[in-house]
Amino acid sequence: MTGYARAQGADERRRWVWEARSVNGRNLEVRCRVPQGFERLENPARTAVGATLRRGNVSISLTVASERLTKPLRINRALLAELTPLIEEMRKTGATAPTADGLLRVRGVIEEEEEGEESEEALVALDKALVSTLGEALKALAGARAAEGKALAGVLDGHVAEIEMLCERAGVRAQAQVGAVRARFEAQLAELLERAPALSEERFAQEVALLAGKADVREELDRLIAHIAQARSLLAEARPNNPVGRKFDFLCQEFNREANTLCSKSADIELTRIGIDLKGAIERMREQVQNVE
């Protein structure tokens, strides 16, 4: 399922933002992007995603910025000490020595003061806060996906209803298929055995029964009806903590298997057309099922 969410946090030294995006995917695939120096968070972040989501291509990214707008400045006294002898030499040669503000313009004399390294306890607390914020983002992402899933359930229910309607039409048409098989066999037999002795009524009935048995699609229709009931049951069971996407995906394969068999056994043009429409409806449902958690 698709979705987007973000969450932010801060401490006395920095602020951060987690962004989480997901698109449709057959399995769970996680991409994690963190700033340099925060690579240690990749494994906990992937674990957090796996604990929240089951399917989809998920991308999470962390942005960290310093809370201070500017860092304090300090004079590099070591560099300034190295410049002093050079200034004295310039004076001895009669050259104009640089002024104080000129010295301060020399690159490196004034520099930003580096922040002190954080203690191990502070880093542990920071990581805990970052993972907690990620949890908020993932919770919001799961909520967005759940809202989409609620709308998707209605779409899938519509596909199931279409499949059910086509199965009913196929059942009605299949009842007339025996008569069609008999008529076709009679026409072909009359054409091939025009001058040969006619078959006995018993032998003729046997041949018609054999052909009708090969064209009998009642078993496929019964299984399709059972699959429809199972699909509705899965839709009713779908919950954030009870993903049904994989089961539904497998069920679509079974739907398609029965529809293919129905088309191959059909001896009636109209029944074949219904079978083709049935395959199209199943494929449309299968495409939507890829979005189900």
C-alpha atoms as a PDB file:
ATOM      1  CA  MET A   1       0.000   0.000   0.000  1.00  0.00           C
ATOM      2  CA  THR A   2       1.056   3.545  -0.529  1.00  0.00           C
ATOM      3  CA  GLY A   3       1.444   6.084   2.250  1.00  0.00           C
ATOM      4  CA  TYR A   4       3.556   8.896   3.660  1.00  0.00           C
ATOM      5  CA  ALA A   5       4.251  10.112   7.168  1.00  0.00           C
ATOM      6  CA  ARG A   6       6.785  12.233   9.052  1.00  0.00           C
ATOM      7  CA  ALA A   7       7.648  12.857  12.689  1.00  0.00           C
ATOM      8  CA  GLN A   8      10.126  15.211  14.316  1.00  0.00           C
ATOM      9  CA  GLY A   9      11.958  15.602  17.589  1.00  0.00           C
ATOM     10  CA  ALA A  10      14.677  17.690  19.227  1.00  0.00           C
ATOM     11  CA  ASP A  11      17.014  17.975  22.178  1.00  0.00           C
ATOM     12  CA  GLU A  12      19.213  20.798  23.471  1.00  0.00           C
ATOM     13  CA  ARG A  13      21.802  20.292  20.731  1.00  0.00           C
ATOM     14  CA  ARG A  14      19.910  19.276  17.591  1.00  0.00           C
ATOM     15  CA  ARG A  15      16.574  18.663  15.908  1.00  0.00           C
ATOM     16  CA  TRP A  16      15.651  15.788  13.614  1.00  0.00           C
ATOM     17  CA  VAL A  17      12.952  14.627  11.205  1.00  0.00           C
ATOM     18  CA  TRP A  18      12.062  11.096  10.116  1.00  0.00           C
ATOM     19  CA  GLU A  19      10.171  10.645   6.843  1.00  0.00           C
ATOM     20  CA  ALA A  20       8.591   7.338   5.851  1.00  0.00           C
ATOM     21  CA  ARG A  21       7.144   6.445   2.462  1.00  0.00           C
ATOM     22  CA  SER A  22       5.728   3.201   1.119  1.00  0.00           C
ATOM     23  CA  VAL A  23       4.579   1.953  -2.266  1.00  0.00           C
ATOM     24  CA  ASN A  24       3.098  -1.336  -3.362  1.00  0.00           C
ATOM     25  CA  GLY A  25       5.286  -4.408  -3.166  1.00  0.00           C
ATOM     26  CA  ARG A  26       4.848  -8.160  -3.073  1.00  0.00           C
ATOM     27  CA  ASN A  27       7.229  -8.496  -0.110  1.00  0.00           C
ATOM     28  CA  LEU A  28       8.649  -6.121   2.484  1.00  0.00           C
ATOM     29  CA  GLU A  29      11.671  -4.232   1.173  1.00  0.00           C
ATOM     30  CA  VAL A  30      13.202  -1.482   3.310  1.00  0.00           C
ATOM     31  CA  ARG A  31      15.507   1.312   2.179  1.00  0.00           C
ATOM     32  CA  CYS A  32      17.093   3.376   4.938  1.00  0.00           C
ATOM     33  CA  ARG A  33      18.969   6.663   4.526  1.00  0.00           C
ATOM     34  CA  VAL A  34      20.660   8.335   7.499  1.00  0.00           C
ATOM     35  CA  PRO A  35      23.235  11.156   7.763  1.00  0.00           C
ATOM     36  CA  GLN A  36      26.926  10.435   8.146  1.00  0.00           C
ATOM     37  CA  GLY A  37      27.693   9.494  11.717  1.00  0.00           C
ATOM     38  CA  PHE A  38      24.284   7.904  12.324  1.00  0.00           C
ATOM     39  CA  GLU A  39      24.897   4.619  10.474  1.00  0.00           C
ATOM     40  CA  ARG A  40      24.448   2.781  13.773  1.00  0.00           C
ATOM     41  CA  LEU A  41      20.692   3.453  13.496  1.00  0.00           C
ATOM     42  CA  GLU A  42      20.162   1.515  10.251  1.00  0.00           C
ATOM     43  CA  ASN A  43      19.628  -1.920  11.819  1.00  0.00           C
ATOM     44  CA  PRO A  44      17.282  -0.693  14.598  1.00  0.00           C
ATOM     45  CA  ALA A  45      15.354   1.298  11.982  1.00  0.00           C
ATOM     46  CA  ARG A  46      14.902  -1.752   9.734  1.00  0.00           C
ATOM     47  CA  THR A  47      13.818  -3.799  12.730  1.00  0.00           C
ATOM     48  CA  ALA A  48      11.229  -1.160  13.633  1.00  0.00           C
ATOM     49  CA  VAL A  49       9.821  -1.207  10.094  1.00  0.00           C
ATOM     50  CA  GLY A  50       9.606  -5.014  10.111  1.00  0.00           C
ATOM     51  CA  ALA A  51       7.751  -4.953  13.418  1.00  0.00           C
ATOM     52  CA  THR A  52       5.159  -2.522  12.032  1.00  0.00           C
ATOM     53  CA  LEU A  53       4.647  -3.485   8.372  1.00  0.00           C
ATOM     54  CA  ARG A  54       4.505  -6.764   6.453  1.00  0.00           C
ATOM     55  CA  ARG A  55       4.504  -5.814   2.755  1.00  0.00           C
ATOM     56  CA  GLY A  56       5.528  -2.951   0.517  1.00  0.00           C
ATOM     57  CA  ASN A  57       8.613  -1.076  -0.617  1.00  0.00           C
ATOM     58  CA  VAL A  58       9.308   1.215   2.332  1.00  0.00           C
ATOM     59  CA  SER A  59      11.780   4.114   2.335  1.00  0.00           C
ATOM     60  CA  ILE A  60      12.755   5.852   5.559  1.00  0.00           C
ATOM     61  CA  SER A  61      15.090   8.832   5.847  1.00  0.00           C
ATOM     62  CA  LEU A  62      16.524  10.787   8.766  1.00  0.00           C
ATOM     63  CA  THR A  63      17.511  14.451   8.655  1.00  0.00           C
ATOM     64  CA  VAL A  64      19.469  15.960  11.555  1.00  0.00           C
ATOM     65  CA  ALA A  65      20.288  19.666  11.992  1.00  0.00           C
ATOM     66  CA  SER A  66      22.150  21.542  14.725  1.00  0.00           C
ATOM     67  CA  GLU A  67      19.931  23.479  17.072  1.00  0.00           C
ATOM     68  CA  ARG A  68      22.500  26.291  17.245  1.00  0.00           C
ATOM     69  CA  LEU A  69      22.296  28.822  14.424  1.00  0.00           C
ATOM     70  CA  THR A  70      25.996  29.716  14.815  1.00  0.00           C
ATOM     71  CA  LYS A  71      28.874  28.120  16.649  1.00  0.00           C
ATOM     72  CA  PRO A  72      31.041  30.153  19.090  1.00  0.00           C
ATOM     73  CA  LEU A  73      34.284  31.575  17.658  1.00  0.00           C
ATOM     74  CA  ARG A  74      37.808  31.271  19.078  1.00  0.00           C
ATOM     75  CA  ILE A  75      41.243  32.582  18.155  1.00  0.00           C
ATOM     76  CA  ASN A  76      43.750  30.021  16.968  1.00  0.00           C
ATOM     77  CA  ARG A  77      46.605  31.204  19.203  1.00  0.00           C
ATOM     78  CA  ALA A  78      49.036  28.593  17.880  1.00  0.00           C
ATOM     79  CA  LEU A  79      48.703  29.953  14.354  1.00  0.00           C
ATOM     80  CA  LEU A  80      48.942  33.521  15.632  1.00  0.00           C
ATOM     81  CA  ALA A  81      52.211  32.641  17.406  1.00  0.00           C
ATOM     82  CA  GLU A  82      53.628  31.291  14.145  1.00  0.00           C
ATOM     83  CA  LEU A  83      52.799  34.565  12.387  1.00  0.00           C
ATOM     84  CA  THR A  84      54.566  36.797  14.975  1.00  0.00           C
ATOM     85  CA  PRO A  85      58.162  36.115  13.786  1.00  0.00           C
ATOM     86  CA  LEU A  86      57.112  36.824  10.204  1.00  0.00           C
ATOM     87  CA  ILE A  87      55.712  40.191  11.281  1.00  0.00           C
ATOM     88  CA  GLU A  88      58.999  41.092  12.980  1.00  0.00           C
ATOM     89  CA  GLU A  89      60.970  40.234   9.840  1.00  0.00           C
ATOM     90  CA  MET A  90      58.688  42.455   7.777  1.00  0.00           C
ATOM     91  CA  ARG A  91      59.326  45.381  10.146  1.00  0.00           C
ATOM     92  CA  LYS A  92      63.111  44.925   9.900  1.00  0.00           C
ATOM     93  CA  THR A  93      62.945  45.182   6.123  1.00  0.00           C
ATOM     94  CA  GLY A  94      60.951  48.390   6.389  1.00  0.00           C
ATOM     95  CA  ALA A  95      57.744  46.886   5.073  1.00  0.00           C
ATOM     96  CA  THR A  96      54.453  47.884   6.611  1.00  0.00           C
ATOM     97  CA  ALA A  97      53.464  45.345   9.234  1.00  0.00           C
ATOM     98  CA  PRO A  98      49.869  44.105   9.250  1.00  0.00           C
ATOM     99  CA  THR A  99      47.463  45.599  11.747  1.00  0.00           C
ATOM    100  CA  ALA A 100      45.566  43.589  14.332  1.00  0.00           C
ATOM    101  CA  ASP A 101      42.401  43.432  12.271  1.00  0.00           C
ATOM    102  CA  GLY A 102      44.521  42.398   9.272  1.00  0.00           C
ATOM    103  CA  LEU A 103      45.901  39.473  11.268  1.00  0.00           C
ATOM    104  CA  LEU A 104      42.399  38.417  12.226  1.00  0.00           C
ATOM    105  CA  ARG A 105      41.502  38.216   8.540  1.00  0.00           C
ATOM    106  CA  VAL A 106      44.183  35.603   7.940  1.00  0.00           C
ATOM    107  CA  ARG A 107      42.477  32.320   7.184  1.00  0.00           C
ATOM    108  CA  GLY A 108      42.489  30.033  10.199  1.00  0.00           C
ATOM    109  CA  VAL A 109      43.229  32.643  12.831  1.00  0.00           C
ATOM    110  CA  ILE A 110      39.544  32.843  13.742  1.00  0.00           C
ATOM    111  CA  GLU A 111      37.688  29.535  13.633  1.00  0.00           C
ATOM    112  CA  GLU A 112      34.475  27.993  14.876  1.00  0.00           C
ATOM    113  CA  GLU A 113      34.758  26.221  18.167  1.00  0.00           C
ATOM    114  CA  GLU A 114      34.066  22.519  17.880  1.00  0.00           C
ATOM    115  CA  GLU A 115      31.386  21.040  20.065  1.00  0.00           C
ATOM    116  CA  GLY A 116      32.632  18.668  22.669  1.00  0.00           C
ATOM    117  CA  GLU A 117      32.136  14.942  22.192  1.00  0.00           C
ATOM    118  CA  GLU A 118      29.050  13.523  23.800  1.00  0.00           C
ATOM    119  CA  SER A 119      29.279  10.898  26.472  1.00  0.00           C
ATOM    120  CA  GLU A 120      28.234   7.326  25.850  1.00  0.00           C
ATOM    121  CA  GLU A 121      25.166   7.838  28.035  1.00  0.00           C
ATOM    122  CA  ALA A 122      24.169  10.889  25.989  1.00  0.00           C
ATOM    123  CA  LEU A 123      24.526   8.942  22.732  1.00  0.00           C
ATOM    124  CA  VAL A 124      22.376   6.111  24.095  1.00  0.00           C
ATOM    125  CA  ALA A 125      19.691   8.601  25.101  1.00  0.00           C
ATOM    126  CA  LEU A 126      19.908  10.248  21.664  1.00  0.00           C
ATOM    127  CA  ASP A 127      19.514   6.929  19.846  1.00  0.00           C
ATOM    128  CA  LYS A 128      16.537   6.055  22.031  1.00  0.00           C
ATOM    129  CA  ALA A 129      14.889   9.380  21.191  1.00  0.00           C
ATOM    130  CA  LEU A 130      15.581   8.963  17.468  1.00  0.00           C
ATOM    131  CA  VAL A 131      14.110   5.438  17.379  1.00  0.00           C
ATOM    132  CA  SER A 132      11.098   6.656  19.357  1.00  0.00           C
ATOM    133  CA  THR A 133      10.464   9.390  16.784  1.00  0.00           C
ATOM    134  CA  LEU A 134      10.806   6.808  14.012  1.00  0.00           C
ATOM    135  CA  GLY A 135       8.146   4.743  15.789  1.00  0.00           C
ATOM    136  CA  GLU A 136       5.795   7.735  15.648  1.00  0.00           C
ATOM    137  CA  ALA A 137       6.407   8.111  11.905  1.00  0.00           C
ATOM    138  CA  LEU A 138       5.821   4.403  11.274  1.00  0.00           C
ATOM    139  CA  LYS A 139       2.636   4.451  13.338  1.00  0.00           C
ATOM    140  CA  ALA A 140       1.347   7.348  11.242  1.00  0.00           C
ATOM    141  CA  LEU A 141       2.384   5.521   8.057  1.00  0.00           C
ATOM    142  CA  ALA A 142       0.516   2.407   9.162  1.00  0.00           C
ATOM    143  CA  GLY A 143      -2.545   4.580   9.831  1.00  0.00           C
ATOM    144  CA  ALA A 144      -2.358   6.069   6.339  1.00  0.00           C
ATOM    145  CA  ARG A 145      -2.061   2.600   4.835  1.00  0.00           C
ATOM    146  CA  ALA A 146      -4.994   1.380   6.936  1.00  0.00           C
ATOM    147  CA  ALA A 147      -7.173   4.212   5.617  1.00  0.00           C
ATOM    148  CA  GLU A 148      -6.244   3.252   2.078  1.00  0.00           C
ATOM    149  CA  GLY A 149      -6.917  -0.380   2.925  1.00  0.00           C
ATOM    150  CA  LYS A 150     -10.432   0.449   4.068  1.00  0.00           C
ATOM    151  CA  ALA A 151     -11.175   2.020   0.691  1.00  0.00           C
ATOM    152  CA  LEU A 152      -9.447  -0.876  -1.070  1.00  0.00           C
ATOM    153  CA  ALA A 153     -11.666  -3.392   0.720  1.00  0.00           C
ATOM    154  CA  GLY A 154     -14.687  -1.882  -1.024  1.00  0.00           C
ATOM    155  CA  VAL A 155     -12.946  -2.144  -4.393  1.00  0.00           C
ATOM    156  CA  LEU A 156     -12.057  -5.797  -3.802  1.00  0.00           C
ATOM    157  CA  ASP A 157     -15.594  -6.562  -2.665  1.00  0.00           C
ATOM    158  CA  GLY A 158     -16.800  -5.139  -5.980  1.00  0.00           C
ATOM    159  CA  HIS A 159     -14.441  -7.432  -7.893  1.00  0.00           C
ATOM    160  CA  VAL A 160     -15.645 -10.442  -5.900  1.00  0.00           C
ATOM    161  CA  ALA A 161     -19.259  -9.506  -6.676  1.00  0.00           C
ATOM    162  CA  GLU A 162     -18.417  -9.283 -10.389  1.00  0.00           C
ATOM    163  CA  ILE A 163     -16.770 -12.712 -10.294  1.00  0.00           C
ATOM    164  CA  GLU A 164     -19.815 -14.130  -8.507  1.00  0.00           C
ATOM    165  CA  MET A 165     -22.153 -12.697 -11.155  1.00  0.00           C
ATOM    166  CA  LEU A 166     -20.061 -14.202 -13.954  1.00  0.00           C
ATOM    167  CA  CYS A 167     -20.040 -17.588 -12.198  1.00  0.00           C
ATOM    168  CA  GLU A 168     -23.830 -17.497 -11.994  1.00  0.00           C
ATOM    169  CA  ARG A 169     -24.029 -16.738 -15.725  1.00  0.00           C
ATOM    170  CA  ALA A 170     -21.580 -19.543 -16.431  1.00  0.00           C
ATOM    171  CA  GLY A 171     -23.690 -21.959 -14.360  1.00  0.00           C
ATOM    172  CA  VAL A 172     -26.821 -21.130 -16.324  1.00  0.00           C
ATOM    173  CA  ARG A 173     -24.991 -21.467 -19.635  1.00  0.00           C
ATOM    174  CA  ALA A 174     -23.353 -24.735 -18.579  1.00  0.00           C
ATOM    175  CA  GLN A 175     -26.788 -26.353 -18.092  1.00  0.00           C
ATOM    176  CA  ALA A 176     -27.553 -25.800 -21.758  1.00  0.00           C
ATOM    177  CA  GLN A 177     -24.154 -27.117 -22.828  1.00  0.00           C
ATOM    178  CA  VAL A 178     -25.230 -30.795 -22.834  1.00  0.00           C
ATOM    179  CA  GLY A 179     -27.891 -30.098 -25.466  1.00  0.00           C
ATOM    180  CA  ALA A 180     -25.370 -28.105 -27.501  1.00  0.00           C
ATOM    181  CA  VAL A 181     -22.864 -30.975 -27.321  1.00  0.00           C
ATOM    182  CA  ARG A 182     -25.523 -33.465 -28.484  1.00  0.00           C
ATOM    183  CA  ALA A 183     -26.588 -31.273 -31.400  1.00  0.00           C
ATOM    184  CA  ARG A 184     -23.006 -30.699 -32.496  1.00  0.00           C
ATOM    185  CA  PHE A 185     -22.195 -34.397 -32.272  1.00  0.00           C
ATOM    186  CA  GLU A 186     -25.259 -35.276 -34.337  1.00  0.00           C
ATOM    187  CA  ALA A 187     -24.282 -32.775 -37.033  1.00  0.00           C
ATOM    188  CA  GLN A 188     -20.683 -33.980 -37.186  1.00  0.00           C
ATOM    189  CA  LEU A 189     -21.726 -37.628 -37.176  1.00  0.00           C
ATOM    190  CA  ALA A 190     -24.221 -37.076 -40.000  1.00  0.00           C
ATOM    191  CA  GLU A 191     -21.518 -35.356 -42.052  1.00  0.00           C
ATOM    192  CA  LEU A 192     -18.857 -38.019 -41.471  1.00  0.00           C
ATOM    193  CA  LEU A 193     -21.065 -41.109 -41.667  1.00  0.00           C
ATOM    194  CA  GLU A 194     -23.454 -39.944 -44.323  1.00  0.00           C
ATOM    195  CA  ARG A 195     -23.493 -43.294 -46.123  1.00  0.00           C
ATOM    196  CA  ALA A 196     -22.599 -45.564 -43.200  1.00  0.00           C
ATOM    197  CA  PRO A 197     -25.126 -47.401 -41.055  1.00  0.00           C
ATOM    198  CA  ALA A 198     -26.489 -45.275 -38.245  1.00  0.00           C
ATOM    199  CA  LEU A 199     -25.246 -45.802 -34.675  1.00  0.00           C
ATOM    200  CA  SER A 200     -27.511 -47.529 -32.222  1.00  0.00           C
ATOM    201  CA  GLU A 201     -29.308 -45.288 -29.762  1.00  0.00           C
ATOM    202  CA  GLU A 202     -27.352 -46.821 -26.892  1.00  0.00           C
ATOM    203  CA  ARG A 203     -23.953 -46.214 -28.553  1.00  0.00           C
ATOM    204  CA  PHE A 204     -24.986 -42.704 -29.512  1.00  0.00           C
ATOM    205  CA  ALA A 205     -25.991 -41.957 -25.921  1.00  0.00           C
ATOM    206  CA  GLN A 206     -22.653 -43.269 -24.688  1.00  0.00           C
ATOM    207  CA  GLU A 207     -20.702 -40.989 -27.043  1.00  0.00           C
ATOM    208  CA  VAL A 208     -22.791 -37.968 -26.074  1.00  0.00           C
ATOM    209  CA  ALA A 209     -22.302 -38.760 -22.379  1.00  0.00           C
ATOM    210  CA  LEU A 210     -18.545 -39.037 -22.891  1.00  0.00           C
ATOM    211  CA  LEU A 211     -18.350 -35.675 -24.657  1.00  0.00           C
ATOM    212  CA  ALA A 212     -20.655 -34.041 -22.126  1.00  0.00           C
ATOM    213  CA  GLY A 213     -18.495 -35.351 -19.287  1.00  0.00           C
ATOM    214  CA  LYS A 214     -15.404 -33.780 -20.817  1.00  0.00           C
ATOM    215  CA  ALA A 215     -17.290 -30.491 -21.172  1.00  0.00           C
ATOM    216  CA  ASP A 216     -18.804 -30.576 -17.667  1.00  0.00           C
ATOM    217  CA  VAL A 217     -17.681 -27.452 -15.785  1.00  0.00           C
ATOM    218  CA  ARG A 218     -19.801 -27.916 -12.667  1.00  0.00           C
ATOM    219  CA  GLU A 219     -16.769 -28.961 -10.597  1.00  0.00           C
ATOM    220  CA  GLU A 220     -14.880 -25.799 -11.600  1.00  0.00           C
ATOM    221  CA  LEU A 221     -17.905 -23.650 -10.823  1.00  0.00           C
ATOM    222  CA  ASP A 222     -18.287 -25.280  -7.408  1.00  0.00           C
ATOM    223  CA  ARG A 223     -14.662 -24.505  -6.583  1.00  0.00           C
ATOM    224  CA  LEU A 224     -15.041 -20.937  -7.836  1.00  0.00           C
ATOM    225  CA  ILE A 225     -18.052 -20.454  -5.550  1.00  0.00           C
ATOM    226  CA  ALA A 226     -15.992 -21.814  -2.637  1.00  0.00           C
ATOM    227  CA  HIS A 227     -13.191 -19.378  -3.507  1.00  0.00           C
ATOM    228  CA  ILE A 228     -15.684 -16.491  -3.518  1.00  0.00           C
ATOM    229  CA  ALA A 229     -16.766 -17.416   0.011  1.00  0.00           C
ATOM    230  CA  GLN A 230     -13.127 -17.595   1.085  1.00  0.00           C
ATOM    231  CA  ALA A 231     -12.384 -14.176  -0.465  1.00  0.00           C
ATOM    232  CA  ARG A 232     -15.231 -12.574   1.470  1.00  0.00           C
ATOM    233  CA  SER A 233     -14.029 -14.266   4.633  1.00  0.00           C
ATOM    234  CA  LEU A 234     -10.522 -12.835   4.149  1.00  0.00           C
ATOM    235  CA  LEU A 235     -11.932  -9.346   3.600  1.00  0.00           C
ATOM    236  CA  ALA A 236     -13.895  -9.647   6.842  1.00  0.00           C
ATOM    237  CA  GLU A 237     -10.797 -10.850   8.739  1.00  0.00           C
ATOM    238  CA  ALA A 238      -8.416  -8.168   7.463  1.00  0.00           C
ATOM    239  CA  ARG A 239      -6.953  -6.136  10.333  1.00  0.00           C
ATOM    240  CA  PRO A 240      -3.714  -4.160  10.832  1.00  0.00           C
ATOM    241  CA  ASN A 241      -2.509  -6.959  13.128  1.00  0.00           C
ATOM    242  CA  ASN A 242      -3.898  -9.697  10.868  1.00  0.00           C
ATOM    243  CA  PRO A 243      -2.477  -9.223   7.343  1.00  0.00           C
ATOM    244  CA  VAL A 244      -4.244 -11.270   4.651  1.00  0.00           C
ATOM    245  CA  GLY A 245      -2.427 -10.077   1.521  1.00  0.00           C
ATOM    246  CA  ARG A 246      -0.399 -13.242   0.952  1.00  0.00           C
ATOM    247  CA  LYS A 247      -3.415 -15.498   1.468  1.00  0.00           C
ATOM    248  CA  PHE A 248      -5.474 -13.377  -0.926  1.00  0.00           C
ATOM    249  CA  ASP A 249      -2.655 -13.463  -3.482  1.00  0.00           C
ATOM    250  CA  PHE A 250      -2.600 -17.271  -3.375  1.00  0.00           C
ATOM    251  CA  LEU A 251      -6.398 -17.369  -3.613  1.00  0.00           C
ATOM    252  CA  CYS A 252      -6.232 -15.304  -6.817  1.00  0.00           C
ATOM    253  CA  GLN A 253      -3.956 -17.967  -8.301  1.00  0.00           C
ATOM    254  CA  GLU A 254      -6.579 -20.588  -7.496  1.00  0.00           C
ATOM    255  CA  PHE A 255      -9.311 -18.407  -9.007  1.00  0.00           C
ATOM    256  CA  ASN A 256      -7.291 -18.143 -12.204  1.00  0.00           C
ATOM    257  CA  ARG A 257      -6.607 -21.876 -12.324  1.00  0.00           C
ATOM    258  CA  GLU A 258     -10.315 -22.730 -12.250  1.00  0.00           C
ATOM    259  CA  ALA A 259     -11.163 -20.041 -14.824  1.00  0.00           C
ATOM    260  CA  ASN A 260      -8.531 -21.439 -17.205  1.00  0.00           C
ATOM    261  CA  THR A 261      -9.906 -24.950 -16.831  1.00  0.00           C
ATOM    262  CA  LEU A 262     -13.452 -23.701 -17.412  1.00  0.00           C
ATOM    263  CA  CYS A 263     -12.403 -22.045 -20.689  1.00  0.00           C
ATOM    264  CA  SER A 264     -10.497 -25.126 -21.867  1.00  0.00           C
ATOM    265  CA  LYS A 265     -13.483 -27.427 -21.182  1.00  0.00           C
ATOM    266  CA  SER A 266     -16.071 -25.115 -22.699  1.00  0.00           C
ATOM    267  CA  ALA A 267     -17.821 -26.434 -25.793  1.00  0.00           C
ATOM    268  CA  ASP A 268     -19.995 -23.342 -26.151  1.00  0.00           C
ATOM    269  CA  ILE A 269     -18.939 -19.966 -27.559  1.00  0.00           C
ATOM    270  CA  GLU A 270     -21.025 -17.995 -25.085  1.00  0.00           C
ATOM    271  CA  LEU A 271     -19.627 -19.951 -22.128  1.00  0.00           C
ATOM    272  CA  THR A 272     -16.119 -19.321 -23.441  1.00  0.00           C
ATOM    273  CA  ARG A 273     -16.841 -15.584 -23.588  1.00  0.00           C
ATOM    274  CA  ILE A 274     -18.059 -15.672 -20.001  1.00  0.00           C
ATOM    275  CA  GLY A 275     -14.886 -17.520 -19.035  1.00  0.00           C
ATOM    276  CA  ILE A 276     -12.726 -14.857 -20.683  1.00  0.00           C
ATOM    277  CA  ASP A 277     -14.640 -12.110 -18.847  1.00  0.00           C
ATOM    278  CA  LEU A 278     -14.138 -14.098 -15.650  1.00  0.00           C
ATOM    279  CA  LYS A 279     -10.371 -14.238 -16.208  1.00  0.00           C
ATOM    280  CA  GLY A 280     -10.323 -10.476 -16.785  1.00  0.00           C
ATOM    281  CA  ALA A 281     -12.192  -9.822 -13.537  1.00  0.00           C
ATOM    282  CA  ILE A 282      -9.829 -12.122 -11.634  1.00  0.00           C
ATOM    283  CA  GLU A 283      -6.779 -10.338 -13.065  1.00  0.00           C
ATOM    284  CA  ARG A 284      -8.168  -6.943 -12.050  1.00  0.00           C
ATOM    285  CA  MET A 285      -8.724  -8.259  -8.542  1.00  0.00           C
ATOM    286  CA  ARG A 286      -5.217  -9.759  -8.439  1.00  0.00           C
ATOM    287  CA  GLU A 287      -3.684  -6.382  -9.333  1.00  0.00           C
ATOM    288  CA  GLN A 288      -5.476  -4.756  -6.413  1.00  0.00           C
ATOM    289  CA  VAL A 289      -4.538  -7.576  -4.059  1.00  0.00           C
ATOM    290  CA  GLN A 290      -0.871  -6.616  -4.521  1.00  0.00           C
ATOM    291  CA  ASN A 291      -1.739  -3.517  -2.483  1.00  0.00           C
ATOM    292  CA  VAL A 292      -3.095  -5.499   0.473  1.00  0.00           C
ATOM    293  CA  GLU A 293      -0.959  -5.786   3.624  1.00  0.00           C
END
